[in-house]
Amino acid sequence: MKKYMLLLFDQKDAYEDMSAEDMQKEIEMHMKWIGELGDQFDSGEALQPDSRSITGGDKVVTDGPFIESKELIGGFYILNANTMEEAVELAKGCPVLELGGRIEVREVMPT
């Protein structure tokens, strides 16, 4: 089986007005989905919104999140699947889509 990374993109303000109760429901939805994936789930993590970007040979560091973007990477999952098509089908069940998020699916290069 191959590994696929799901990059979870959220709208910058998706969680701003969310109550603690609604946030807990969101977490429970993710945990339920992960449970349904079984052995096809490898790993995953949520990410903090602040970031740094390092650019070019001069290694210029810029603080983020970056205002030119309306979305940010809120987390990632690594899934096991036989094909890109299978990984995409699995990704369609991810709860991030319920809040208007977006998922980018990328095959992980074997090492």
C-alpha atoms as a PDB file:
ATOM      1  CA  MET A   1       0.000   0.000   0.000  1.00  0.00           C
ATOM      2  CA  LYS A   2       1.076   3.557  -0.661  1.00  0.00           C
ATOM      3  CA  LYS A   3       0.918   6.484   1.757  1.00  0.00           C
ATOM      4  CA  TYR A   4      -1.027   9.646   0.987  1.00  0.00           C
ATOM      5  CA  MET A   5      -0.931  12.952   2.831  1.00  0.00           C
ATOM      6  CA  LEU A   6      -4.150  14.874   3.230  1.00  0.00           C
ATOM      7  CA  LEU A   7      -3.418  18.571   3.742  1.00  0.00           C
ATOM      8  CA  LEU A   8      -6.406  20.114   5.516  1.00  0.00           C
ATOM      9  CA  PHE A   9      -7.069  23.716   4.527  1.00  0.00           C
ATOM     10  CA  ASP A  10      -9.462  25.764   6.668  1.00  0.00           C
ATOM     11  CA  GLN A  11     -10.867  29.226   6.157  1.00  0.00           C
ATOM     12  CA  LYS A  12      -8.882  31.559   8.431  1.00  0.00           C
ATOM     13  CA  ASP A  13     -11.991  32.414  10.445  1.00  0.00           C
ATOM     14  CA  ALA A  14     -13.569  28.938  10.500  1.00  0.00           C
ATOM     15  CA  TYR A  15     -13.032  28.461  14.230  1.00  0.00           C
ATOM     16  CA  GLU A  16     -13.057  32.067  15.513  1.00  0.00           C
ATOM     17  CA  ASP A  17     -16.627  32.109  16.789  1.00  0.00           C
ATOM     18  CA  MET A  18     -16.879  28.393  17.554  1.00  0.00           C
ATOM     19  CA  SER A  19     -17.914  27.574  21.117  1.00  0.00           C
ATOM     20  CA  ALA A  20     -15.958  25.061  23.187  1.00  0.00           C
ATOM     21  CA  GLU A  21     -18.909  22.679  22.835  1.00  0.00           C
ATOM     22  CA  ASP A  22     -18.925  22.965  19.036  1.00  0.00           C
ATOM     23  CA  MET A  23     -15.144  22.531  18.953  1.00  0.00           C
ATOM     24  CA  GLN A  24     -15.514  19.333  20.990  1.00  0.00           C
ATOM     25  CA  LYS A  25     -18.130  18.081  18.506  1.00  0.00           C
ATOM     26  CA  GLU A  26     -15.711  18.801  15.654  1.00  0.00           C
ATOM     27  CA  ILE A  27     -12.979  16.792  17.410  1.00  0.00           C
ATOM     28  CA  GLU A  28     -15.408  13.917  17.998  1.00  0.00           C
ATOM     29  CA  MET A  29     -16.333  13.909  14.297  1.00  0.00           C
ATOM     30  CA  HIS A  30     -12.646  13.588  13.392  1.00  0.00           C
ATOM     31  CA  MET A  31     -12.127  10.781  15.920  1.00  0.00           C
ATOM     32  CA  LYS A  32     -15.166   8.905  14.567  1.00  0.00           C
ATOM     33  CA  TRP A  33     -13.882   9.228  10.994  1.00  0.00           C
ATOM     34  CA  ILE A  34     -10.403   8.057  12.034  1.00  0.00           C
ATOM     35  CA  GLY A  35     -11.983   5.030  13.720  1.00  0.00           C
ATOM     36  CA  GLU A  36     -13.907   4.192  10.549  1.00  0.00           C
ATOM     37  CA  LEU A  37     -10.669   4.266   8.529  1.00  0.00           C
ATOM     38  CA  GLY A  38      -9.194   1.420  10.583  1.00  0.00           C
ATOM     39  CA  ASP A  39      -5.800   0.299   9.252  1.00  0.00           C
ATOM     40  CA  GLN A  40      -5.983   2.867   6.460  1.00  0.00           C
ATOM     41  CA  PHE A  41      -5.267   5.582   9.047  1.00  0.00           C
ATOM     42  CA  ASP A  42      -1.538   6.044   9.629  1.00  0.00           C
ATOM     43  CA  SER A  43      -1.163   9.334  11.500  1.00  0.00           C
ATOM     44  CA  GLY A  44      -2.237  12.942  11.665  1.00  0.00           C
ATOM     45  CA  GLU A  45      -1.989  16.139  13.651  1.00  0.00           C
ATOM     46  CA  ALA A  46      -3.693  19.509  14.001  1.00  0.00           C
ATOM     47  CA  LEU A  47      -1.461  22.542  13.447  1.00  0.00           C
ATOM     48  CA  GLN A  48      -1.259  25.883  15.249  1.00  0.00           C
ATOM     49  CA  PRO A  49      -2.179  28.855  13.024  1.00  0.00           C
ATOM     50  CA  ASP A  50       1.065  30.814  13.442  1.00  0.00           C
ATOM     51  CA  SER A  51       3.917  29.929  11.115  1.00  0.00           C
ATOM     52  CA  ARG A  52       7.222  31.047   9.614  1.00  0.00           C
ATOM     53  CA  SER A  53       8.251  31.028   5.972  1.00  0.00           C
ATOM     54  CA  ILE A  54      11.921  30.772   5.007  1.00  0.00           C
ATOM     55  CA  THR A  55      12.713  31.923   1.473  1.00  0.00           C
ATOM     56  CA  GLY A  56      15.655  31.650  -0.906  1.00  0.00           C
ATOM     57  CA  GLY A  57      19.405  31.513  -0.534  1.00  0.00           C
ATOM     58  CA  ASP A  58      19.346  34.488   1.843  1.00  0.00           C
ATOM     59  CA  LYS A  59      17.029  32.478   4.102  1.00  0.00           C
ATOM     60  CA  VAL A  60      14.662  35.392   4.702  1.00  0.00           C
ATOM     61  CA  VAL A  61      12.201  34.547   7.493  1.00  0.00           C
ATOM     62  CA  THR A  62       8.645  35.914   7.341  1.00  0.00           C
ATOM     63  CA  ASP A  63       6.061  35.496  10.105  1.00  0.00           C
ATOM     64  CA  GLY A  64       2.635  34.075   9.249  1.00  0.00           C
ATOM     65  CA  PRO A  65      -0.171  33.341   8.866  1.00  0.00           C
ATOM     66  CA  PHE A  66       0.055  35.246   5.649  1.00  0.00           C
ATOM     67  CA  ILE A  67      -2.601  37.887   5.000  1.00  0.00           C
ATOM     68  CA  GLU A  68      -2.659  37.315   1.262  1.00  0.00           C
ATOM     69  CA  SER A  69      -4.125  33.874   1.923  1.00  0.00           C
ATOM     70  CA  LYS A  70      -7.753  33.374   2.944  1.00  0.00           C
ATOM     71  CA  GLU A  71      -7.068  29.864   4.175  1.00  0.00           C
ATOM     72  CA  LEU A  72      -4.453  28.114   6.234  1.00  0.00           C
ATOM     73  CA  ILE A  73      -3.261  24.556   6.692  1.00  0.00           C
ATOM     74  CA  GLY A  74      -5.064  23.446   9.840  1.00  0.00           C
ATOM     75  CA  GLY A  75      -3.632  19.946   9.963  1.00  0.00           C
ATOM     76  CA  PHE A  76      -2.783  16.808   8.067  1.00  0.00           C
ATOM     77  CA  TYR A  77      -3.493  13.107   7.919  1.00  0.00           C
ATOM     78  CA  ILE A  78      -1.425  10.286   6.465  1.00  0.00           C
ATOM     79  CA  LEU A  79      -3.559   7.479   5.020  1.00  0.00           C
ATOM     80  CA  ASN A  80      -2.714   4.098   3.527  1.00  0.00           C
ATOM     81  CA  ALA A  81      -4.382   3.410   0.171  1.00  0.00           C
ATOM     82  CA  ASN A  82      -3.699   1.424  -2.979  1.00  0.00           C
ATOM     83  CA  THR A  83      -4.321   4.275  -5.432  1.00  0.00           C
ATOM     84  CA  MET A  84      -4.775   8.030  -5.576  1.00  0.00           C
ATOM     85  CA  GLU A  85      -8.436   7.450  -6.425  1.00  0.00           C
ATOM     86  CA  GLU A  86      -8.919   5.378  -3.271  1.00  0.00           C
ATOM     87  CA  ALA A  87      -7.186   8.049  -1.159  1.00  0.00           C
ATOM     88  CA  VAL A  88      -9.441  10.737  -2.655  1.00  0.00           C
ATOM     89  CA  GLU A  89     -12.548   8.672  -1.864  1.00  0.00           C
ATOM     90  CA  LEU A  90     -11.367   8.241   1.732  1.00  0.00           C
ATOM     91  CA  ALA A  91     -10.665  11.982   1.983  1.00  0.00           C
ATOM     92  CA  LYS A  92     -14.260  12.774   1.000  1.00  0.00           C
ATOM     93  CA  GLY A  93     -15.332  11.519   4.437  1.00  0.00           C
ATOM     94  CA  CYS A  94     -13.067  13.928   6.346  1.00  0.00           C
ATOM     95  CA  PRO A  95     -15.041  16.284   8.625  1.00  0.00           C
ATOM     96  CA  VAL A  96     -12.986  19.347   7.620  1.00  0.00           C
ATOM     97  CA  LEU A  97     -15.189  19.528   4.520  1.00  0.00           C
ATOM     98  CA  GLU A  98     -18.276  20.084   6.709  1.00  0.00           C
ATOM     99  CA  LEU A  99     -16.960  23.541   7.705  1.00  0.00           C
ATOM    100  CA  GLY A 100     -16.205  24.587   4.148  1.00  0.00           C
ATOM    101  CA  GLY A 101     -12.601  23.413   4.272  1.00  0.00           C
ATOM    102  CA  ARG A 102     -10.564  21.986   1.433  1.00  0.00           C
ATOM    103  CA  ILE A 103      -8.342  18.913   1.235  1.00  0.00           C
ATOM    104  CA  GLU A 104      -5.306  18.453  -0.973  1.00  0.00           C
ATOM    105  CA  VAL A 105      -4.283  14.802  -1.437  1.00  0.00           C
ATOM    106  CA  ARG A 106      -0.618  14.090  -2.223  1.00  0.00           C
ATOM    107  CA  GLU A 107       1.169  10.766  -2.591  1.00  0.00           C
ATOM    108  CA  VAL A 108       4.102  10.418  -0.196  1.00  0.00           C
ATOM    109  CA  MET A 109       7.334   9.496  -1.989  1.00  0.00           C
ATOM    110  CA  PRO A 110       8.708   6.147  -0.839  1.00  0.00           C
ATOM    111  CA  THR A 111      11.998   6.304   1.036  1.00  0.00           C
END
